PDB file of N, CA and C in Angstrom:
ATOM      1  N   MET A   1     138.100 119.040  91.769  1.00  0.00           N
ATOM      2  CA  MET A   1     138.917 117.916  92.189  1.00  0.00           C
ATOM      3  C   MET A   1     138.079 117.019  93.089  1.00  0.00           C
ATOM      4  N   ARG A   2     138.146 115.725  92.866  1.00  0.00           N
ATOM      5  CA  ARG A   2     137.442 114.742  93.680  1.00  0.00           C
ATOM      6  C   ARG A   2     138.441 114.076  94.619  1.00  0.00           C
ATOM      7  N   LEU A   3     137.979 113.828  95.845  1.00  0.00           N
ATOM      8  CA  LEU A   3     138.828 113.223  96.866  1.00  0.00           C
ATOM      9  C   LEU A   3     138.134 112.011  97.469  1.00  0.00           C
ATOM     10  N   SER A   4     138.911 111.011  97.825  1.00  0.00           N
ATOM     11  CA  SER A   4     138.433 109.891  98.621  1.00  0.00           C
ATOM     12  C   SER A   4     138.874 110.182 100.055  1.00  0.00           C
ATOM     13  N   VAL A   5     137.917 110.197 100.985  1.00  0.00           N
ATOM     14  CA  VAL A   5     138.204 110.576 102.373  1.00  0.00           C
ATOM     15  C   VAL A   5     137.769 109.435 103.288  1.00  0.00           C
ATOM     16  N   GLN A   6     138.613 109.154 104.289  1.00  0.00           N
ATOM     17  CA  GLN A   6     138.287 108.115 105.262  1.00  0.00           C
ATOM     18  C   GLN A   6     138.664 108.606 106.657  1.00  0.00           C
ATOM     19  N   ILE A   7     137.726 108.474 107.584  1.00  0.00           N
ATOM     20  CA  ILE A   7     137.983 108.826 108.986  1.00  0.00           C
ATOM     21  C   ILE A   7     138.517 107.591 109.693  1.00  0.00           C
ATOM     22  N   VAL A   8     139.587 107.792 110.460  1.00  0.00           N
ATOM     23  CA  VAL A   8     140.198 106.704 111.228  1.00  0.00           C
ATOM     24  C   VAL A   8     140.295 107.167 112.679  1.00  0.00           C
ATOM     25  N   ILE A   9     139.835 106.335 113.594  1.00  0.00           N
ATOM     26  CA  ILE A   9     139.926 106.626 115.026  1.00  0.00           C
ATOM     27  C   ILE A   9     140.801 105.563 115.667  1.00  0.00           C
ATOM     28  N   LYS A  10     141.821 106.034 116.379  1.00  0.00           N
ATOM     29  CA  LYS A  10     142.732 105.119 117.084  1.00  0.00           C
ATOM     30  C   LYS A  10     142.614 105.378 118.586  1.00  0.00           C
ATOM     31  N   ASN A  11     142.525 104.281 119.341  1.00  0.00           N
ATOM     32  CA  ASN A  11     142.506 104.404 120.795  1.00  0.00           C
ATOM     33  C   ASN A  11     142.954 103.078 121.420  1.00  0.00           C
ATOM     34  N   GLU A  12     142.805 102.957 122.725  1.00  0.00           N
ATOM     35  CA  GLU A  12     143.274 101.764 123.430  1.00  0.00           C
ATOM     36  C   GLU A  12     142.532 100.496 123.010  1.00  0.00           C
ATOM     37  N   TYR A  13     141.400 100.635 122.334  1.00  0.00           N
ATOM     38  CA  TYR A  13     140.615  99.480 121.902  1.00  0.00           C
ATOM     39  C   TYR A  13     140.932  99.048 120.478  1.00  0.00           C
ATOM     40  N   GLY A  14     141.739  99.836 119.787  1.00  0.00           N
ATOM     41  CA  GLY A  14     142.120  99.467 118.428  1.00  0.00           C
ATOM     42  C   GLY A  14     141.995 100.616 117.450  1.00  0.00           C
ATOM     43  N   GLU A  15     141.926 100.259 116.187  1.00  0.00           N
ATOM     44  CA  GLU A  15     141.814 101.234 115.110  1.00  0.00           C
ATOM     45  C   GLU A  15     140.483 101.003 114.407  1.00  0.00           C
ATOM     46  N   PHE A  16     139.724 102.065 114.224  1.00  0.00           N
ATOM     47  CA  PHE A  16     138.403 101.987 113.632  1.00  0.00           C
ATOM     48  C   PHE A  16     138.391 102.838 112.368  1.00  0.00           C
ATOM     49  N   ARG A  17     138.185 102.180 111.219  1.00  0.00           N
ATOM     50  CA  ARG A  17     138.248 102.842 109.917  1.00  0.00           C
ATOM     51  C   ARG A  17     136.840 103.039 109.375  1.00  0.00           C
ATOM     52  N   GLY A  18     136.504 104.294 109.137  1.00  0.00           N
ATOM     53  CA  GLY A  18     135.191 104.623 108.597  1.00  0.00           C
ATOM     54  C   GLY A  18     135.074 104.277 107.124  1.00  0.00           C
ATOM     55  N   GLU A  19     133.846 104.276 106.657  1.00  0.00           N
ATOM     56  CA  GLU A  19     133.557 104.023 105.250  1.00  0.00           C
ATOM     57  C   GLU A  19     134.165 105.152 104.409  1.00  0.00           C
ATOM     58  N   LYS A  20     134.822 104.823 103.316  1.00  0.00           N
ATOM     59  CA  LYS A  20     135.389 105.836 102.433  1.00  0.00           C
ATOM     60  C   LYS A  20     134.256 106.567 101.727  1.00  0.00           C
ATOM     61  N   VAL A  21     134.414 107.880 101.628  1.00  0.00           N
ATOM     62  CA  VAL A  21     133.435 108.693 100.912  1.00  0.00           C
ATOM     63  C   VAL A  21     134.156 109.527  99.860  1.00  0.00           C
ATOM     64  N   THR A  22     133.436 109.855  98.800  1.00  0.00           N
ATOM     65  CA  THR A  22     133.974 110.708  97.750  1.00  0.00           C
ATOM     66  C   THR A  22     133.442 112.116  97.961  1.00  0.00           C
ATOM     67  N   THR A  23     134.353 113.090  98.000  1.00  0.00           N
ATOM     68  CA  THR A  23     133.976 114.472  98.259  1.00  0.00           C
ATOM     69  C   THR A  23     134.677 115.406  97.281  1.00  0.00           C
ATOM     70  N   ASN A  24     134.277 116.668  97.336  1.00  0.00           N
ATOM     71  CA  ASN A  24     135.028 117.707  96.640  1.00  0.00           C
ATOM     72  C   ASN A  24     135.793 118.507  97.695  1.00  0.00           C
ATOM     73  N   LEU A  25     136.543 119.506  97.281  1.00  0.00           N
ATOM     74  CA  LEU A  25     137.371 120.266  98.231  1.00  0.00           C
ATOM     75  C   LEU A  25     136.532 121.001  99.275  1.00  0.00           C
ATOM     76  N   GLU A  26     135.384 121.527  98.874  1.00  0.00           N
ATOM     77  CA  GLU A  26     134.526 122.249  99.816  1.00  0.00           C
ATOM     78  C   GLU A  26     133.996 121.306 100.895  1.00  0.00           C
ATOM     79  N   GLN A  27     133.553 120.130 100.495  1.00  0.00           N
ATOM     80  CA  GLN A  27     133.058 119.151 101.459  1.00  0.00           C
ATOM     81  C   GLN A  27     134.179 118.679 102.381  1.00  0.00           C
ATOM     82  N   TYR A  28     135.364 118.499 101.835  1.00  0.00           N
ATOM     83  CA  TYR A  28     136.519 118.106 102.651  1.00  0.00           C
ATOM     84  C   TYR A  28     136.825 119.178 103.690  1.00  0.00           C
ATOM     85  N   SER A  29     136.760 120.423 103.266  1.00  0.00           N
ATOM     86  CA  SER A  29     136.991 121.542 104.186  1.00  0.00           C
ATOM     87  C   SER A  29     135.949 121.530 105.308  1.00  0.00           C
ATOM     88  N   ASN A  30     134.700 121.212 104.975  1.00  0.00           N
ATOM     89  CA  ASN A  30     133.652 121.120 106.000  1.00  0.00           C
ATOM     90  C   ASN A  30     133.936 119.992 106.985  1.00  0.00           C
ATOM     91  N   ILE A  31     134.448 118.870 106.491  1.00  0.00           N
ATOM     92  CA  ILE A  31     134.817 117.751 107.377  1.00  0.00           C
ATOM     93  C   ILE A  31     135.901 118.198 108.356  1.00  0.00           C
ATOM     94  N   LEU A  32     136.894 118.934 107.858  1.00  0.00           N
ATOM     95  CA  LEU A  32     137.959 119.425 108.736  1.00  0.00           C
ATOM     96  C   LEU A  32     137.412 120.377 109.794  1.00  0.00           C
ATOM     97  N   THR A  33     136.473 121.231 109.406  1.00  0.00           N
ATOM     98  CA  THR A  33     135.863 122.162 110.355  1.00  0.00           C
ATOM     99  C   THR A  33     135.095 121.397 111.433  1.00  0.00           C
ATOM    100  N   LEU A  34     134.312 120.403 111.024  1.00  0.00           N
ATOM    101  CA  LEU A  34     133.554 119.594 111.989  1.00  0.00           C
ATOM    102  C   LEU A  34     134.470 118.800 112.915  1.00  0.00           C
ATOM    103  N   SER A  35     135.639 118.428 112.432  1.00  0.00           N
ATOM    104  CA  SER A  35     136.556 117.622 113.250  1.00  0.00           C
ATOM    105  C   SER A  35     137.053 118.391 114.475  1.00  0.00           C
ATOM    106  N   LYS A  36     136.968 119.697 114.444  1.00  0.00           N
ATOM    107  CA  LYS A  36     137.439 120.511 115.573  1.00  0.00           C
ATOM    108  C   LYS A  36     136.577 120.318 116.817  1.00  0.00           C
ATOM    109  N   THR A  37     135.378 119.769 116.659  1.00  0.00           N
ATOM    110  CA  THR A  37     134.512 119.501 117.811  1.00  0.00           C
ATOM    111  C   THR A  37     134.512 118.020 118.187  1.00  0.00           C
ATOM    112  N   PHE A  38     135.407 117.243 117.616  1.00  0.00           N
ATOM    113  CA  PHE A  38     135.472 115.800 117.828  1.00  0.00           C
ATOM    114  C   PHE A  38     135.521 115.432 119.307  1.00  0.00           C
ATOM    115  N   TYR A  39     136.291 116.143 120.102  1.00  0.00           N
ATOM    116  CA  TYR A  39     136.497 115.770 121.504  1.00  0.00           C
ATOM    117  C   TYR A  39     135.414 116.284 122.442  1.00  0.00           C
ATOM    118  N   SER A  40     134.393 116.945 121.926  1.00  0.00           N
ATOM    119  CA  SER A  40     133.376 117.539 122.784  1.00  0.00           C
ATOM    120  C   SER A  40     132.224 116.582 123.124  1.00  0.00           C
ATOM    121  N   GLY A  41     132.243 115.365 122.596  1.00  0.00           N
ATOM    122  CA  GLY A  41     131.167 114.423 122.892  1.00  0.00           C
ATOM    123  C   GLY A  41     131.480 113.050 122.343  1.00  0.00           C
ATOM    124  N   GLY A  42     130.448 112.250 122.171  1.00  0.00           N
ATOM    125  CA  GLY A  42     130.605 110.932 121.586  1.00  0.00           C
ATOM    126  C   GLY A  42     130.724 111.044 120.071  1.00  0.00           C
ATOM    127  N   PHE A  43     130.855 109.901 119.407  1.00  0.00           N
ATOM    128  CA  PHE A  43     131.034 109.906 117.955  1.00  0.00           C
ATOM    129  C   PHE A  43     130.393 108.657 117.372  1.00  0.00           C
ATOM    130  N   GLU A  44     129.750 108.827 116.224  1.00  0.00           N
ATOM    131  CA  GLU A  44     129.109 107.721 115.523  1.00  0.00           C
ATOM    132  C   GLU A  44     129.612 107.693 114.098  1.00  0.00           C
ATOM    133  N   MET A  45     129.792 106.485 113.528  1.00  0.00           N
ATOM    134  CA  MET A  45     130.164 106.387 112.120  1.00  0.00           C
ATOM    135  C   MET A  45     129.898 104.980 111.607  1.00  0.00           C
ATOM    136  N   THR A  46     129.747 104.900 110.299  1.00  0.00           N
ATOM    137  CA  THR A  46     129.657 103.616 109.619  1.00  0.00           C
ATOM    138  C   THR A  46     131.073 103.217 109.233  1.00  0.00           C
ATOM    139  N   MET A  47     131.460 102.011 109.634  1.00  0.00           N
ATOM    140  CA  MET A  47     132.812 101.546 109.358  1.00  0.00           C
ATOM    141  C   MET A  47     132.902 100.988 107.942  1.00  0.00           C
ATOM    142  N   GLU A  48     134.106 100.745 107.467  1.00  0.00           N
ATOM    143  CA  GLU A  48     134.311 100.325 106.084  1.00  0.00           C
ATOM    144  C   GLU A  48     133.654  98.989 105.754  1.00  0.00           C
ATOM    145  N   ASP A  49     133.359  98.164 106.754  1.00  0.00           N
ATOM    146  CA  ASP A  49     132.676  96.888 106.497  1.00  0.00           C
ATOM    147  C   ASP A  49     131.156  97.007 106.621  1.00  0.00           C
ATOM    148  N   GLY A  50     130.658  98.242 106.846  1.00  0.00           N
ATOM    149  CA  GLY A  50     129.223  98.480 106.958  1.00  0.00           C
ATOM    150  C   GLY A  50     128.700  98.484 108.384  1.00  0.00           C
ATOM    151  N   THR A  51     129.525  98.084 109.346  1.00  0.00           N
ATOM    152  CA  THR A  51     129.137  98.089 110.752  1.00  0.00           C
ATOM    153  C   THR A  51     129.003  99.526 111.233  1.00  0.00           C
ATOM    154  N   PHE A  52     127.978  99.794 112.051  1.00  0.00           N
ATOM    155  CA  PHE A  52     127.789 101.115 112.641  1.00  0.00           C
ATOM    156  C   PHE A  52     128.363 101.092 114.046  1.00  0.00           C
ATOM    157  N   ILE A  53     129.171 102.096 114.386  1.00  0.00           N
ATOM    158  CA  ILE A  53     129.811 102.144 115.700  1.00  0.00           C
ATOM    159  C   ILE A  53     129.467 103.444 116.409  1.00  0.00           C
ATOM    160  N   VAL A  54     129.236 103.336 117.719  1.00  0.00           N
ATOM    161  CA  VAL A  54     129.015 104.499 118.576  1.00  0.00           C
ATOM    162  C   VAL A  54     130.113 104.467 119.634  1.00  0.00           C
ATOM    163  N   ILE A  55     130.867 105.558 119.719  1.00  0.00           N
ATOM    164  CA  ILE A  55     131.966 105.635 120.683  1.00  0.00           C
ATOM    165  C   ILE A  55     131.594 106.669 121.737  1.00  0.00           C
ATOM    166  N   PRO A  56     131.583 106.295 123.023  1.00  0.00           N
ATOM    167  CA  PRO A  56     131.181 107.222 124.075  1.00  0.00           C
ATOM    168  C   PRO A  56     132.225 108.327 124.315  1.00  0.00           C
ATOM    169  N   PRO A  57     131.771 109.437 124.891  1.00  0.00           N
ATOM    170  CA  PRO A  57     132.656 110.595 125.099  1.00  0.00           C
ATOM    171  C   PRO A  57     133.938 110.282 125.869  1.00  0.00           C
ATOM    172  N   ASP A  58     133.875 109.411 126.898  1.00  0.00           N
ATOM    173  CA  ASP A  58     135.075 109.128 127.682  1.00  0.00           C
ATOM    174  C   ASP A  58     136.136 108.414 126.847  1.00  0.00           C
ATOM    175  N   VAL A  59     135.727 107.612 125.874  1.00  0.00           N
ATOM    176  CA  VAL A  59     136.683 106.932 124.994  1.00  0.00           C
ATOM    177  C   VAL A  59     137.204 107.906 123.939  1.00  0.00           C
ATOM    178  N   ILE A  60     136.325 108.767 123.434  1.00  0.00           N
ATOM    179  CA  ILE A  60     136.739 109.763 122.443  1.00  0.00           C
ATOM    180  C   ILE A  60     137.839 110.659 123.007  1.00  0.00           C
ATOM    181  N   LYS A  61     137.719 111.028 124.266  1.00  0.00           N
ATOM    182  CA  LYS A  61     138.722 111.916 124.877  1.00  0.00           C
ATOM    183  C   LYS A  61     140.117 111.298 124.878  1.00  0.00           C
ATOM    184  N   LYS A  62     140.205 109.956 124.776  1.00  0.00           N
ATOM    185  CA  LYS A  62     141.496 109.267 124.768  1.00  0.00           C
ATOM    186  C   LYS A  62     141.850 108.752 123.371  1.00  0.00           C
ATOM    187  N   SER A  63     141.160 109.253 122.354  1.00  0.00           N
ATOM    188  CA  SER A  63     141.349 108.762 120.989  1.00  0.00           C
ATOM    189  C   SER A  63     142.100 109.772 120.125  1.00  0.00           C
ATOM    190  N   ILE A  64     142.620 109.272 119.026  1.00  0.00           N
ATOM    191  CA  ILE A  64     143.259 110.106 118.010  1.00  0.00           C
ATOM    192  C   ILE A  64     142.394 110.025 116.762  1.00  0.00           C
ATOM    193  N   LEU A  65     142.074 111.178 116.201  1.00  0.00           N
ATOM    194  CA  LEU A  65     141.277 111.253 114.980  1.00  0.00           C
ATOM    195  C   LEU A  65     142.197 111.531 113.803  1.00  0.00           C
ATOM    196  N   LEU A  66     142.123 110.687 112.797  1.00  0.00           N
ATOM    197  CA  LEU A  66     142.869 110.892 111.548  1.00  0.00           C
ATOM    198  C   LEU A  66     141.854 111.042 110.420  1.00  0.00           C
ATOM    199  N   ILE A  67     142.122 111.957 109.523  1.00  0.00           N
ATOM    200  CA  ILE A  67     141.295 112.111 108.335  1.00  0.00           C
ATOM    201  C   ILE A  67     142.214 111.908 107.146  1.00  0.00           C
ATOM    202  N   GLU A  68     142.083 110.748 106.528  1.00  0.00           N
ATOM    203  CA  GLU A  68     142.941 110.406 105.403  1.00  0.00           C
ATOM    204  C   GLU A  68     142.259 110.828 104.108  1.00  0.00           C
ATOM    205  N   LYS A  69     143.040 111.408 103.188  1.00  0.00           N
ATOM    206  CA  LYS A  69     142.461 111.797 101.893  1.00  0.00           C
ATOM    207  C   LYS A  69     143.388 111.388 100.777  1.00  0.00           C
ATOM    208  N   GLU A  70     142.784 111.142  99.643  1.00  0.00           N
ATOM    209  CA  GLU A  70     143.528 110.748  98.462  1.00  0.00           C
ATOM    210  C   GLU A  70     142.807 111.349  97.260  1.00  0.00           C
ATOM    211  N   GLU A  71     143.565 111.984  96.381  1.00  0.00           N
ATOM    212  CA  GLU A  71     142.980 112.558  95.172  1.00  0.00           C
ATOM    213  C   GLU A  71     142.572 111.436  94.222  1.00  0.00           C
ATOM    214  N   ILE A  72     141.374 111.557  93.688  1.00  0.00           N
ATOM    215  CA  ILE A  72     140.884 110.563  92.729  1.00  0.00           C
ATOM    216  C   ILE A  72     141.322 111.018  91.341  1.00  0.00           C
ATOM    217  N   LYS A  73     142.136 110.210  90.705  1.00  0.00           N
ATOM    218  CA  LYS A  73     142.610 110.518  89.354  1.00  0.00           C
ATOM    219  C   LYS A  73     141.594 110.018  88.341  1.00  0.00           C
ATOM    220  N   ILE A  74     141.268 110.883  87.417  1.00  0.00           N
ATOM    221  CA  ILE A  74     140.293 110.494  86.377  1.00  0.00           C
ATOM    222  C   ILE A  74     141.004 110.179  85.082  1.00  0.00           C
TER     223      ILE A  74
END
């Protein structure tokens, strides 16, 4: 099964949508495992418009992490 996955970070500065990636179930599971350490430091990602963003640890601690997924129908 193929999935389209997008990381979304919400905080007092707005909503930041990461670039959509295509994964399989194993890779998606790895993303979920890595997300458990989200609040332990800063965070970097490429946004959907290609902009690269670095979020410092103090802002991450006040943020909400969403991992949106959608099954890709063939």
